[in-house]
């Protein structure tokens, strides 16, 4: 079986298992997804979703964030970790959005990664979720699961993204990644994967319950 054929089977099964998927981060405005994704670095989406309502109420627009004191933003996001760096990035990115992009979130990866604190993972999520463009979001879940499934090798996000773009149809990229995240949280966890419950177990290179010859 080629990697493209394997990918097609995995996509089909995940669609059956998770027919309706969306980004786990809660947002109402484009810039809110950008900020929430920055906050999610080394922090759970659940924690971010607890923090952002008060943050977005206090700073309801790009302009409000651009005019904010970094120290005040820090007070709202302390529980997300790395809050000094994140607060600085959030204020600076919003100033860039205001001054360079007319308070409009860019729709290309090339422009998004020019913003303070924005890497390819965040940029892919924005272009995929907000603008419906082909995207592959390589977070820790996606990297872990695609390695276990044999679709990619290595832990470098850029390398994994390139490998997945070669085998995943462009129109499937963003929802495929969302489904992997849900599967990674609920079934294929880092330390104790529930292989016996996994809909992908017979396709997986790393499953723990099938006879050795089937691995």
N, C-alpha and C. Protein backbone atom coordinates (compact mmCIF):
# COMPACT_ATOMS: atom_id res chain seq x y z
N UNK A 1 0.84 -1.20 0.00
CA UNK A 1 0.00 0.00 0.00
C UNK A 1 0.88 1.26 0.00
N UNK A 2 0.62 2.18 -0.90
CA UNK A 2 1.37 3.43 -0.93
C UNK A 2 0.90 4.35 0.20
N UNK A 3 1.68 5.38 0.47
CA UNK A 3 1.30 6.32 1.52
C UNK A 3 0.03 7.07 1.16
N UNK A 4 -0.16 7.36 -0.13
CA UNK A 4 -1.39 8.02 -0.54
C UNK A 4 -2.59 7.12 -0.32
N UNK A 5 -2.44 5.84 -0.60
CA UNK A 5 -3.53 4.89 -0.36
C UNK A 5 -3.80 4.74 1.13
N UNK A 6 -2.73 4.68 1.92
CA UNK A 6 -2.89 4.62 3.37
C UNK A 6 -3.60 5.87 3.89
N UNK A 7 -3.17 7.02 3.40
CA UNK A 7 -3.78 8.27 3.82
C UNK A 7 -5.27 8.30 3.49
N UNK A 8 -5.63 7.81 2.31
CA UNK A 8 -7.04 7.79 1.90
C UNK A 8 -7.87 6.93 2.85
N UNK A 9 -7.34 5.77 3.24
CA UNK A 9 -8.07 4.91 4.17
C UNK A 9 -8.21 5.56 5.54
N UNK A 10 -7.15 6.19 6.01
CA UNK A 10 -7.19 6.86 7.31
C UNK A 10 -8.20 8.00 7.29
N UNK A 11 -8.17 8.80 6.24
CA UNK A 11 -9.12 9.91 6.11
C UNK A 11 -10.55 9.40 6.15
N UNK A 12 -10.82 8.32 5.40
CA UNK A 12 -12.18 7.77 5.36
C UNK A 12 -12.66 7.30 6.72
N UNK A 13 -11.81 6.62 7.45
CA UNK A 13 -12.22 6.11 8.76
C UNK A 13 -12.40 7.23 9.78
N UNK A 14 -11.52 8.22 9.72
CA UNK A 14 -11.67 9.34 10.65
C UNK A 14 -12.93 10.14 10.37
N UNK A 15 -13.32 10.22 9.10
CA UNK A 15 -14.57 10.91 8.75
C UNK A 15 -15.77 10.20 9.37
N UNK A 16 -15.72 8.87 9.36
CA UNK A 16 -16.81 8.10 9.96
C UNK A 16 -16.82 8.27 11.49
N UNK A 17 -15.63 8.30 12.07
CA UNK A 17 -15.51 8.40 13.53
C UNK A 17 -15.83 9.79 14.03
N UNK A 18 -15.44 10.80 13.29
CA UNK A 18 -15.64 12.20 13.69
C UNK A 18 -16.25 12.97 12.52
N UNK A 19 -17.52 12.76 12.25
CA UNK A 19 -18.13 13.36 11.05
C UNK A 19 -18.19 14.89 11.09
N UNK A 20 -18.36 15.45 12.27
CA UNK A 20 -18.41 16.90 12.40
C UNK A 20 -17.25 17.36 13.27
N UNK A 21 -16.32 18.06 12.69
CA UNK A 21 -15.17 18.55 13.46
C UNK A 21 -14.95 20.03 13.18
N UNK A 22 -14.40 20.70 14.15
CA UNK A 22 -14.00 22.09 13.98
C UNK A 22 -12.86 22.38 14.94
N UNK A 23 -12.28 23.52 14.79
CA UNK A 23 -11.20 23.93 15.66
C UNK A 23 -11.68 23.94 17.11
N UNK A 24 -10.86 23.43 18.02
CA UNK A 24 -11.24 23.36 19.43
C UNK A 24 -11.18 24.71 20.12
N UNK A 25 -10.49 25.67 19.53
CA UNK A 25 -10.41 27.00 20.11
C UNK A 25 -11.68 27.79 19.78
N UNK A 26 -12.21 28.49 20.77
CA UNK A 26 -13.45 29.24 20.61
C UNK A 26 -13.12 30.69 20.25
N UNK A 27 -13.74 31.17 19.20
CA UNK A 27 -13.50 32.55 18.77
C UNK A 27 -14.70 33.08 18.00
N UNK A 28 -14.82 34.39 17.92
CA UNK A 28 -15.89 35.03 17.17
C UNK A 28 -15.37 35.87 16.01
N UNK A 29 -14.16 36.38 16.15
CA UNK A 29 -13.58 37.27 15.15
C UNK A 29 -12.25 36.70 14.66
N UNK A 30 -11.86 37.01 13.42
CA UNK A 30 -10.62 36.45 12.89
C UNK A 30 -9.40 36.66 13.77
N UNK A 31 -9.21 37.86 14.29
CA UNK A 31 -8.02 38.10 15.10
C UNK A 31 -8.07 37.33 16.41
N UNK A 32 -9.26 36.97 16.87
CA UNK A 32 -9.37 36.20 18.11
C UNK A 32 -8.80 34.79 17.94
N UNK A 33 -8.99 34.20 16.77
CA UNK A 33 -8.38 32.89 16.52
C UNK A 33 -6.87 33.01 16.48
N UNK A 34 -6.37 34.07 15.88
CA UNK A 34 -4.93 34.30 15.82
C UNK A 34 -4.34 34.40 17.23
N UNK A 35 -5.01 35.16 18.09
CA UNK A 35 -4.53 35.34 19.46
C UNK A 35 -4.68 34.05 20.26
N UNK A 36 -5.81 33.39 20.13
CA UNK A 36 -6.03 32.14 20.88
C UNK A 36 -5.00 31.08 20.49
N UNK A 37 -4.66 31.02 19.22
CA UNK A 37 -3.66 30.05 18.78
C UNK A 37 -2.29 30.37 19.35
N UNK A 38 -1.97 31.66 19.42
CA UNK A 38 -0.69 32.04 20.05
C UNK A 38 -0.68 31.63 21.52
N UNK A 39 -1.81 31.79 22.20
CA UNK A 39 -1.89 31.42 23.61
C UNK A 39 -1.79 29.91 23.82
N UNK A 40 -2.15 29.13 22.80
CA UNK A 40 -2.21 27.68 22.95
C UNK A 40 -0.84 27.01 22.93
N UNK A 41 0.21 27.76 22.61
CA UNK A 41 1.55 27.17 22.61
C UNK A 41 1.90 26.69 24.02
N UNK A 42 2.23 25.41 24.13
CA UNK A 42 2.55 24.78 25.42
C UNK A 42 1.46 25.01 26.45
N UNK A 43 0.22 25.00 25.98
CA UNK A 43 -0.94 25.18 26.85
C UNK A 43 -2.12 24.45 26.20
N UNK A 44 -3.04 23.95 27.00
CA UNK A 44 -4.17 23.23 26.44
C UNK A 44 -5.21 24.18 25.86
N UNK A 45 -5.93 23.70 24.85
CA UNK A 45 -7.02 24.50 24.29
C UNK A 45 -8.09 24.77 25.35
N UNK A 46 -8.31 23.83 26.22
CA UNK A 46 -9.29 24.01 27.29
C UNK A 46 -8.93 25.20 28.16
N UNK A 47 -7.68 25.32 28.54
CA UNK A 47 -7.23 26.45 29.35
C UNK A 47 -7.37 27.75 28.60
N UNK A 48 -6.99 27.74 27.31
CA UNK A 48 -7.11 28.96 26.50
C UNK A 48 -8.56 29.42 26.44
N UNK A 49 -9.48 28.48 26.26
CA UNK A 49 -10.90 28.83 26.16
C UNK A 49 -11.46 29.38 27.48
N UNK A 50 -10.81 29.07 28.58
CA UNK A 50 -11.22 29.64 29.87
C UNK A 50 -10.71 31.07 30.02
N UNK A 51 -9.59 31.35 29.38
CA UNK A 51 -8.94 32.66 29.53
C UNK A 51 -9.48 33.70 28.56
N UNK A 52 -9.77 33.30 27.34
CA UNK A 52 -10.06 34.28 26.29
C UNK A 52 -11.37 35.08 26.45
N UNK A 53 -12.44 34.56 27.05
CA UNK A 53 -13.63 35.41 27.16
C UNK A 53 -13.38 36.74 27.86
N UNK A 54 -12.72 36.72 29.00
CA UNK A 54 -12.43 37.98 29.71
C UNK A 54 -11.43 38.83 28.93
N UNK A 55 -10.45 38.18 28.31
CA UNK A 55 -9.45 38.90 27.52
C UNK A 55 -10.10 39.63 26.35
N UNK A 56 -10.97 38.94 25.63
CA UNK A 56 -11.60 39.55 24.45
C UNK A 56 -12.68 40.57 24.84
N UNK A 57 -13.22 40.44 26.01
CA UNK A 57 -14.17 41.46 26.49
C UNK A 57 -13.42 42.75 26.82
N UNK A 58 -12.26 42.59 27.43
CA UNK A 58 -11.47 43.79 27.80
C UNK A 58 -10.87 44.44 26.56
N UNK A 59 -10.44 43.65 25.60
CA UNK A 59 -9.84 44.16 24.37
C UNK A 59 -10.65 43.63 23.18
N UNK A 60 -11.72 44.32 22.81
CA UNK A 60 -12.67 43.77 21.83
C UNK A 60 -12.28 43.91 20.36
N UNK A 61 -11.14 44.51 20.07
CA UNK A 61 -10.76 44.72 18.67
C UNK A 61 -9.25 44.70 18.52
N UNK A 62 -8.82 44.64 17.27
CA UNK A 62 -7.39 44.72 16.97
C UNK A 62 -6.83 46.03 17.50
N UNK A 63 -7.58 47.12 17.29
CA UNK A 63 -7.12 48.43 17.74
C UNK A 63 -6.95 48.47 19.26
N UNK A 64 -7.87 47.83 19.98
CA UNK A 64 -7.77 47.82 21.44
C UNK A 64 -6.53 47.07 21.90
N UNK A 65 -6.23 45.94 21.28
CA UNK A 65 -5.02 45.19 21.62
C UNK A 65 -3.77 45.99 21.24
N UNK A 66 -3.82 46.67 20.10
CA UNK A 66 -2.66 47.44 19.64
C UNK A 66 -2.32 48.58 20.59
N UNK A 67 -3.31 49.10 21.28
CA UNK A 67 -3.11 50.21 22.21
C UNK A 67 -2.88 49.73 23.64
N UNK A 68 -2.95 48.43 23.86
CA UNK A 68 -2.88 47.89 25.22
C UNK A 68 -1.47 47.95 25.79
N UNK A 69 -1.42 48.00 27.12
CA UNK A 69 -0.16 47.85 27.82
C UNK A 69 0.13 46.35 27.93
N UNK A 70 1.32 45.96 27.62
CA UNK A 70 1.68 44.54 27.69
C UNK A 70 1.44 44.00 29.09
N UNK A 71 1.73 44.78 30.08
CA UNK A 71 1.57 44.33 31.47
C UNK A 71 0.12 44.02 31.80
N UNK A 72 -0.82 44.75 31.20
CA UNK A 72 -2.23 44.47 31.46
C UNK A 72 -2.67 43.19 30.76
N UNK A 73 -2.21 42.99 29.53
CA UNK A 73 -2.53 41.75 28.83
C UNK A 73 -2.00 40.56 29.61
N UNK A 74 -0.82 40.71 30.18
CA UNK A 74 -0.21 39.64 30.98
C UNK A 74 -1.13 39.17 32.10
N UNK A 75 -1.82 40.10 32.72
CA UNK A 75 -2.68 39.75 33.86
C UNK A 75 -3.81 38.82 33.46
N UNK A 76 -4.26 38.94 32.22
CA UNK A 76 -5.37 38.11 31.74
C UNK A 76 -4.92 36.72 31.29
N UNK A 77 -3.65 36.56 30.96
CA UNK A 77 -3.21 35.31 30.34
C UNK A 77 -2.18 34.55 31.17
N UNK A 78 -2.00 34.94 32.42
CA UNK A 78 -0.97 34.32 33.25
C UNK A 78 -1.07 32.80 33.31
N UNK A 79 -2.29 32.28 33.38
CA UNK A 79 -2.46 30.83 33.55
C UNK A 79 -2.14 30.04 32.29
N UNK A 80 -1.88 30.74 31.17
CA UNK A 80 -1.54 30.04 29.92
C UNK A 80 -0.06 29.71 29.81
N UNK A 81 0.75 30.22 30.73
CA UNK A 81 2.18 29.94 30.66
C UNK A 81 2.88 30.83 29.65
N UNK A 82 4.16 31.05 29.85
CA UNK A 82 4.97 31.89 28.97
C UNK A 82 4.29 33.23 28.70
N UNK A 83 3.62 33.75 29.73
CA UNK A 83 2.72 34.88 29.50
C UNK A 83 3.45 36.19 29.17
N UNK A 84 4.69 36.34 29.61
CA UNK A 84 5.43 37.56 29.25
C UNK A 84 5.64 37.62 27.73
N UNK A 85 6.15 36.53 27.18
CA UNK A 85 6.41 36.49 25.74
C UNK A 85 5.12 36.55 24.94
N UNK A 86 4.11 35.81 25.37
CA UNK A 86 2.84 35.78 24.64
C UNK A 86 2.18 37.15 24.63
N UNK A 87 2.17 37.84 25.76
CA UNK A 87 1.55 39.16 25.83
C UNK A 87 2.26 40.14 24.91
N UNK A 88 3.58 40.10 24.92
CA UNK A 88 4.35 40.99 24.05
C UNK A 88 4.04 40.71 22.59
N UNK A 89 3.98 39.42 22.22
CA UNK A 89 3.68 39.04 20.84
C UNK A 89 2.28 39.50 20.43
N UNK A 90 1.31 39.31 21.32
CA UNK A 90 -0.07 39.66 20.99
C UNK A 90 -0.21 41.16 20.71
N UNK A 91 0.37 41.97 21.57
CA UNK A 91 0.29 43.42 21.36
C UNK A 91 1.01 43.82 20.09
N UNK A 92 2.20 43.26 19.87
CA UNK A 92 2.97 43.62 18.68
C UNK A 92 2.28 43.14 17.41
N UNK A 93 1.72 41.92 17.40
CA UNK A 93 1.05 41.43 16.18
C UNK A 93 -0.15 42.29 15.84
N UNK A 94 -0.86 42.77 16.88
CA UNK A 94 -2.03 43.61 16.62
C UNK A 94 -1.62 44.99 16.12
N UNK A 95 -0.48 45.48 16.57
CA UNK A 95 0.03 46.74 16.01
C UNK A 95 0.41 46.55 14.55
N UNK A 96 0.99 45.41 14.24
CA UNK A 96 1.33 45.11 12.84
C UNK A 96 0.06 44.98 11.99
N UNK A 97 -0.94 44.30 12.54
CA UNK A 97 -2.21 44.16 11.80
C UNK A 97 -2.83 45.53 11.54
N UNK A 98 -2.78 46.39 12.53
CA UNK A 98 -3.35 47.74 12.38
C UNK A 98 -2.55 48.58 11.39
N UNK A 99 -1.24 48.59 11.56
CA UNK A 99 -0.40 49.53 10.81
C UNK A 99 -0.03 49.05 9.41
N UNK A 100 0.08 47.74 9.23
CA UNK A 100 0.53 47.21 7.94
C UNK A 100 -0.60 46.61 7.12
N UNK A 101 -1.56 45.97 7.79
CA UNK A 101 -2.60 45.22 7.08
C UNK A 101 -3.99 45.83 7.21
N UNK A 102 -4.07 47.05 7.69
CA UNK A 102 -5.37 47.72 7.77
C UNK A 102 -6.35 47.02 8.67
N UNK A 103 -5.85 46.40 9.73
CA UNK A 103 -6.67 45.67 10.72
C UNK A 103 -7.42 44.49 10.11
N UNK A 104 -6.83 43.91 9.07
CA UNK A 104 -7.38 42.70 8.45
C UNK A 104 -6.35 41.58 8.60
N UNK A 105 -6.79 40.42 9.08
CA UNK A 105 -5.90 39.28 9.22
C UNK A 105 -5.53 38.77 7.83
N UNK A 106 -4.25 38.68 7.50
CA UNK A 106 -3.84 38.21 6.16
C UNK A 106 -4.36 36.81 5.86
N UNK A 107 -4.50 36.52 4.57
CA UNK A 107 -5.04 35.22 4.16
C UNK A 107 -4.00 34.32 3.52
N UNK A 108 -2.72 34.62 3.72
CA UNK A 108 -1.67 33.77 3.17
C UNK A 108 -0.66 33.43 4.25
N UNK A 109 -0.10 32.23 4.15
CA UNK A 109 0.92 31.80 5.11
C UNK A 109 2.12 32.72 5.04
N UNK A 110 2.48 33.15 3.85
CA UNK A 110 3.66 33.99 3.66
C UNK A 110 3.54 35.31 4.42
N UNK A 111 2.35 35.90 4.45
CA UNK A 111 2.16 37.16 5.17
C UNK A 111 1.96 36.92 6.66
N UNK A 112 1.26 35.87 7.01
CA UNK A 112 0.98 35.60 8.42
C UNK A 112 2.25 35.37 9.24
N UNK A 113 3.21 34.65 8.66
CA UNK A 113 4.43 34.35 9.42
C UNK A 113 5.30 35.58 9.62
N UNK A 114 4.95 36.70 9.01
CA UNK A 114 5.65 37.95 9.26
C UNK A 114 5.21 38.61 10.56
N UNK A 115 4.08 38.14 11.10
CA UNK A 115 3.55 38.71 12.33
C UNK A 115 4.30 38.19 13.54
N UNK A 116 4.40 39.00 14.55
CA UNK A 116 5.13 38.64 15.76
C UNK A 116 4.54 37.39 16.41
N UNK A 117 5.38 36.39 16.64
CA UNK A 117 4.94 35.19 17.34
C UNK A 117 4.19 34.19 16.50
N UNK A 118 4.06 34.42 15.20
CA UNK A 118 3.28 33.53 14.34
C UNK A 118 4.22 32.63 13.53
N UNK A 119 4.07 31.31 13.71
CA UNK A 119 4.81 30.34 12.94
C UNK A 119 3.90 29.64 11.94
N UNK A 120 4.41 28.63 11.28
CA UNK A 120 3.64 27.96 10.23
C UNK A 120 2.42 27.23 10.78
N UNK A 121 2.52 26.68 12.00
CA UNK A 121 1.36 25.99 12.56
C UNK A 121 0.19 26.95 12.68
N UNK A 122 0.44 28.10 13.28
CA UNK A 122 -0.62 29.11 13.45
C UNK A 122 -1.09 29.60 12.09
N UNK A 123 -0.16 29.88 11.19
CA UNK A 123 -0.52 30.40 9.88
C UNK A 123 -1.39 29.41 9.11
N UNK A 124 -1.06 28.13 9.17
CA UNK A 124 -1.87 27.11 8.50
C UNK A 124 -3.27 27.06 9.07
N UNK A 125 -3.39 27.15 10.39
CA UNK A 125 -4.71 27.11 11.00
C UNK A 125 -5.55 28.30 10.54
N UNK A 126 -4.94 29.47 10.47
CA UNK A 126 -5.68 30.66 10.06
C UNK A 126 -6.16 30.54 8.62
N UNK A 127 -5.26 30.18 7.69
CA UNK A 127 -5.68 30.12 6.28
C UNK A 127 -6.67 28.99 6.05
N UNK A 128 -6.56 27.91 6.83
CA UNK A 128 -7.48 26.80 6.66
C UNK A 128 -8.84 27.06 7.27
N UNK A 129 -8.86 27.50 8.53
CA UNK A 129 -10.12 27.69 9.23
C UNK A 129 -10.85 28.96 8.82
N UNK A 130 -10.12 30.05 8.64
CA UNK A 130 -10.77 31.32 8.32
C UNK A 130 -11.06 31.49 6.84
N UNK A 131 -10.13 31.02 6.02
CA UNK A 131 -10.22 31.32 4.59
C UNK A 131 -10.46 30.11 3.70
N UNK A 132 -10.54 28.92 4.29
CA UNK A 132 -10.86 27.72 3.52
C UNK A 132 -9.81 27.34 2.51
N UNK A 133 -8.57 27.73 2.74
CA UNK A 133 -7.48 27.39 1.81
C UNK A 133 -6.80 26.11 2.26
N UNK A 134 -6.11 25.43 1.34
CA UNK A 134 -5.38 24.21 1.73
C UNK A 134 -4.41 24.49 2.87
N UNK A 135 -4.46 23.62 3.89
CA UNK A 135 -3.64 23.85 5.07
C UNK A 135 -3.37 22.53 5.78
N UNK A 136 -2.19 22.44 6.40
CA UNK A 136 -1.82 21.29 7.21
C UNK A 136 -1.26 21.82 8.52
N UNK A 137 -2.01 21.62 9.58
CA UNK A 137 -1.64 22.17 10.89
C UNK A 137 -0.90 21.09 11.68
N UNK A 138 0.40 21.27 11.83
CA UNK A 138 1.22 20.24 12.47
C UNK A 138 1.48 20.57 13.94
N UNK A 139 0.49 20.27 14.77
CA UNK A 139 0.70 20.41 16.21
C UNK A 139 1.24 19.09 16.76
N UNK A 140 1.37 19.00 18.07
CA UNK A 140 1.97 17.80 18.67
C UNK A 140 1.14 16.54 18.39
N UNK A 141 -0.18 16.68 18.38
CA UNK A 141 -1.04 15.51 18.12
C UNK A 141 -0.84 15.01 16.69
N UNK A 142 -0.85 15.93 15.74
CA UNK A 142 -0.71 15.55 14.33
C UNK A 142 0.66 14.91 14.08
N UNK A 143 1.68 15.48 14.65
CA UNK A 143 3.02 14.91 14.47
C UNK A 143 3.10 13.52 15.09
N UNK A 144 2.59 13.37 16.29
CA UNK A 144 2.64 12.07 16.98
C UNK A 144 1.86 11.01 16.21
N UNK A 145 0.64 11.31 15.82
CA UNK A 145 -0.20 10.31 15.17
C UNK A 145 0.27 9.96 13.77
N UNK A 146 0.73 10.93 13.02
CA UNK A 146 1.17 10.61 11.65
C UNK A 146 2.46 9.81 11.68
N UNK A 147 3.28 10.00 12.69
CA UNK A 147 4.46 9.15 12.86
C UNK A 147 4.04 7.73 13.21
N UNK A 148 3.11 7.59 14.13
CA UNK A 148 2.66 6.26 14.54
C UNK A 148 1.98 5.53 13.38
N UNK A 149 1.27 6.27 12.56
CA UNK A 149 0.54 5.66 11.46
C UNK A 149 1.42 5.39 10.24
N UNK A 150 2.61 5.94 10.24
CA UNK A 150 3.51 5.71 9.12
C UNK A 150 3.33 6.67 7.96
N UNK A 151 2.63 7.80 8.19
CA UNK A 151 2.46 8.79 7.14
C UNK A 151 3.61 9.79 7.10
N UNK A 152 4.31 9.92 8.21
CA UNK A 152 5.41 10.87 8.28
C UNK A 152 6.48 10.35 9.21
N UNK A 153 7.67 10.91 9.08
CA UNK A 153 8.78 10.56 9.96
C UNK A 153 9.40 11.84 10.52
N UNK A 154 9.73 11.80 11.81
CA UNK A 154 10.41 12.93 12.42
C UNK A 154 9.47 13.81 13.22
N UNK A 155 10.07 14.70 14.00
CA UNK A 155 9.29 15.57 14.88
C UNK A 155 9.36 17.04 14.49
N UNK A 156 10.09 17.34 13.43
CA UNK A 156 10.14 18.72 12.96
C UNK A 156 8.84 19.07 12.24
N UNK A 157 8.14 20.09 12.73
CA UNK A 157 6.82 20.43 12.18
C UNK A 157 6.88 20.76 10.69
N UNK A 158 7.89 21.49 10.28
CA UNK A 158 8.01 21.85 8.88
C UNK A 158 8.20 20.64 7.98
N UNK A 159 9.01 19.70 8.44
CA UNK A 159 9.25 18.49 7.67
C UNK A 159 7.99 17.63 7.59
N UNK A 160 7.28 17.49 8.72
CA UNK A 160 6.06 16.69 8.73
C UNK A 160 5.01 17.33 7.84
N UNK A 161 4.89 18.64 7.89
CA UNK A 161 3.94 19.33 7.02
C UNK A 161 4.22 19.02 5.55
N UNK A 162 5.46 19.09 5.16
CA UNK A 162 5.84 18.81 3.78
C UNK A 162 5.50 17.38 3.38
N UNK A 163 5.77 16.44 4.29
CA UNK A 163 5.46 15.04 4.00
C UNK A 163 3.95 14.81 3.86
N UNK A 164 3.18 15.46 4.71
CA UNK A 164 1.73 15.27 4.66
C UNK A 164 1.11 15.94 3.43
N UNK A 165 1.63 17.08 3.05
CA UNK A 165 1.11 17.74 1.86
C UNK A 165 1.31 16.87 0.61
N UNK A 166 2.29 15.99 0.66
CA UNK A 166 2.57 15.12 -0.49
C UNK A 166 1.57 13.97 -0.61
N UNK A 167 0.87 13.64 0.49
CA UNK A 167 -0.02 12.48 0.45
C UNK A 167 -1.48 12.79 0.81
N UNK A 168 -1.75 13.97 1.35
CA UNK A 168 -3.11 14.34 1.74
C UNK A 168 -3.71 15.26 0.69
N UNK A 169 -4.88 14.94 0.15
CA UNK A 169 -5.52 15.86 -0.80
C UNK A 169 -5.69 17.24 -0.19
N UNK A 170 -5.38 18.30 -0.91
CA UNK A 170 -5.42 19.66 -0.35
C UNK A 170 -6.74 20.01 0.33
N UNK A 171 -7.84 19.56 -0.26
CA UNK A 171 -9.14 19.90 0.31
C UNK A 171 -9.43 19.17 1.60
N UNK A 172 -8.65 18.17 1.94
CA UNK A 172 -8.86 17.39 3.16
C UNK A 172 -7.95 17.84 4.31
N UNK A 173 -6.96 18.67 4.01
CA UNK A 173 -5.91 18.95 4.97
C UNK A 173 -6.37 19.45 6.32
N UNK A 174 -7.16 20.51 6.35
CA UNK A 174 -7.51 21.14 7.62
C UNK A 174 -8.41 20.24 8.46
N UNK A 175 -9.41 19.59 7.85
CA UNK A 175 -10.29 18.72 8.63
C UNK A 175 -9.59 17.44 9.03
N UNK A 176 -8.68 16.96 8.21
CA UNK A 176 -7.86 15.80 8.57
C UNK A 176 -7.08 16.10 9.85
N UNK A 177 -6.48 17.26 9.91
CA UNK A 177 -5.70 17.62 11.09
C UNK A 177 -6.59 17.79 12.31
N UNK A 178 -7.76 18.40 12.14
CA UNK A 178 -8.69 18.54 13.27
C UNK A 178 -9.11 17.17 13.79
N UNK A 179 -9.37 16.25 12.87
CA UNK A 179 -9.77 14.90 13.30
C UNK A 179 -8.64 14.18 14.02
N UNK A 180 -7.42 14.36 13.55
CA UNK A 180 -6.29 13.76 14.25
C UNK A 180 -6.16 14.32 15.67
N UNK A 181 -6.41 15.60 15.83
CA UNK A 181 -6.34 16.21 17.17
C UNK A 181 -7.37 15.58 18.09
N UNK A 182 -8.60 15.45 17.61
CA UNK A 182 -9.65 14.83 18.44
C UNK A 182 -9.30 13.38 18.75
N UNK A 183 -8.77 12.67 17.76
CA UNK A 183 -8.41 11.27 17.96
C UNK A 183 -7.22 11.17 18.93
N UNK A 184 -6.30 12.09 18.82
CA UNK A 184 -5.15 12.08 19.71
C UNK A 184 -5.52 12.35 21.15
N UNK A 185 -6.49 13.19 21.36
CA UNK A 185 -6.93 13.50 22.72
C UNK A 185 -7.75 12.36 23.33
N UNK A 186 -8.63 11.79 22.51
CA UNK A 186 -9.55 10.81 23.06
C UNK A 186 -9.08 9.38 23.04
N UNK A 187 -8.22 9.03 22.08
CA UNK A 187 -7.83 7.63 21.89
C UNK A 187 -6.31 7.46 21.86
N UNK A 188 -5.65 8.14 20.95
CA UNK A 188 -4.22 7.89 20.73
C UNK A 188 -3.36 8.89 21.51
N UNK A 189 -3.44 8.81 22.81
CA UNK A 189 -2.69 9.74 23.66
C UNK A 189 -1.20 9.42 23.62
N UNK A 190 -0.41 10.34 24.10
CA UNK A 190 1.05 10.18 24.02
C UNK A 190 1.54 9.02 24.87
N UNK A 191 1.06 8.90 26.09
CA UNK A 191 1.60 7.91 27.03
C UNK A 191 0.82 6.60 27.05
N UNK A 192 -0.49 6.68 26.97
CA UNK A 192 -1.30 5.47 27.09
C UNK A 192 -2.35 5.38 25.99
N UNK A 193 -1.91 5.13 24.76
CA UNK A 193 -2.87 5.02 23.67
C UNK A 193 -3.83 3.86 23.88
N UNK A 194 -5.10 4.08 23.56
CA UNK A 194 -6.12 3.05 23.73
C UNK A 194 -6.27 2.29 22.42
N UNK A 195 -5.27 1.49 22.10
CA UNK A 195 -5.23 0.81 20.81
C UNK A 195 -6.45 -0.09 20.58
N UNK A 196 -6.96 -0.70 21.64
CA UNK A 196 -8.10 -1.59 21.50
C UNK A 196 -9.36 -0.85 21.07
N UNK A 197 -9.40 0.46 21.27
CA UNK A 197 -10.56 1.26 20.89
C UNK A 197 -10.37 2.00 19.57
N UNK A 198 -9.22 1.84 18.96
CA UNK A 198 -8.85 2.68 17.82
C UNK A 198 -9.40 2.15 16.50
N UNK A 199 -10.07 3.01 15.79
CA UNK A 199 -10.62 2.64 14.48
C UNK A 199 -9.53 2.47 13.43
N UNK A 200 -8.32 2.90 13.75
CA UNK A 200 -7.20 2.81 12.80
C UNK A 200 -6.21 1.70 13.16
N UNK A 201 -6.56 0.86 14.14
CA UNK A 201 -5.56 -0.05 14.70
C UNK A 201 -4.96 -1.01 13.68
N UNK A 202 -5.74 -1.46 12.70
CA UNK A 202 -5.17 -2.40 11.73
C UNK A 202 -4.33 -1.70 10.67
N UNK A 203 -4.39 -0.37 10.62
CA UNK A 203 -3.59 0.40 9.69
C UNK A 203 -2.33 0.97 10.34
N UNK A 204 -2.29 0.91 11.65
CA UNK A 204 -1.25 1.60 12.41
C UNK A 204 0.03 0.77 12.52
N UNK A 205 1.15 1.45 12.35
CA UNK A 205 2.46 0.79 12.46
C UNK A 205 2.87 0.56 13.91
N UNK A 206 2.15 1.17 14.84
CA UNK A 206 2.59 1.15 16.24
C UNK A 206 1.57 0.57 17.21
N UNK A 207 0.49 -0.03 16.71
CA UNK A 207 -0.55 -0.48 17.63
C UNK A 207 -0.04 -1.57 18.55
N UNK A 208 -0.69 -1.70 19.69
CA UNK A 208 -0.19 -2.58 20.75
C UNK A 208 -0.97 -3.88 20.91
N UNK A 209 -2.07 -4.06 20.17
CA UNK A 209 -2.91 -5.23 20.47
C UNK A 209 -2.92 -6.27 19.36
N UNK A 210 -2.54 -5.92 18.15
CA UNK A 210 -2.61 -6.90 17.07
C UNK A 210 -1.39 -7.81 17.11
N UNK A 211 -1.50 -9.01 16.61
CA UNK A 211 -0.34 -9.90 16.57
C UNK A 211 0.82 -9.24 15.84
N UNK A 212 2.02 -9.63 16.20
CA UNK A 212 3.22 -8.98 15.68
C UNK A 212 3.27 -8.98 14.17
N UNK A 213 2.84 -10.08 13.53
CA UNK A 213 2.94 -10.16 12.08
C UNK A 213 2.01 -9.18 11.39
N UNK A 214 1.01 -8.65 12.10
CA UNK A 214 0.10 -7.71 11.50
C UNK A 214 0.51 -6.26 11.72
N UNK A 215 1.60 -6.09 12.45
CA UNK A 215 2.02 -4.73 12.74
C UNK A 215 2.76 -4.13 11.55
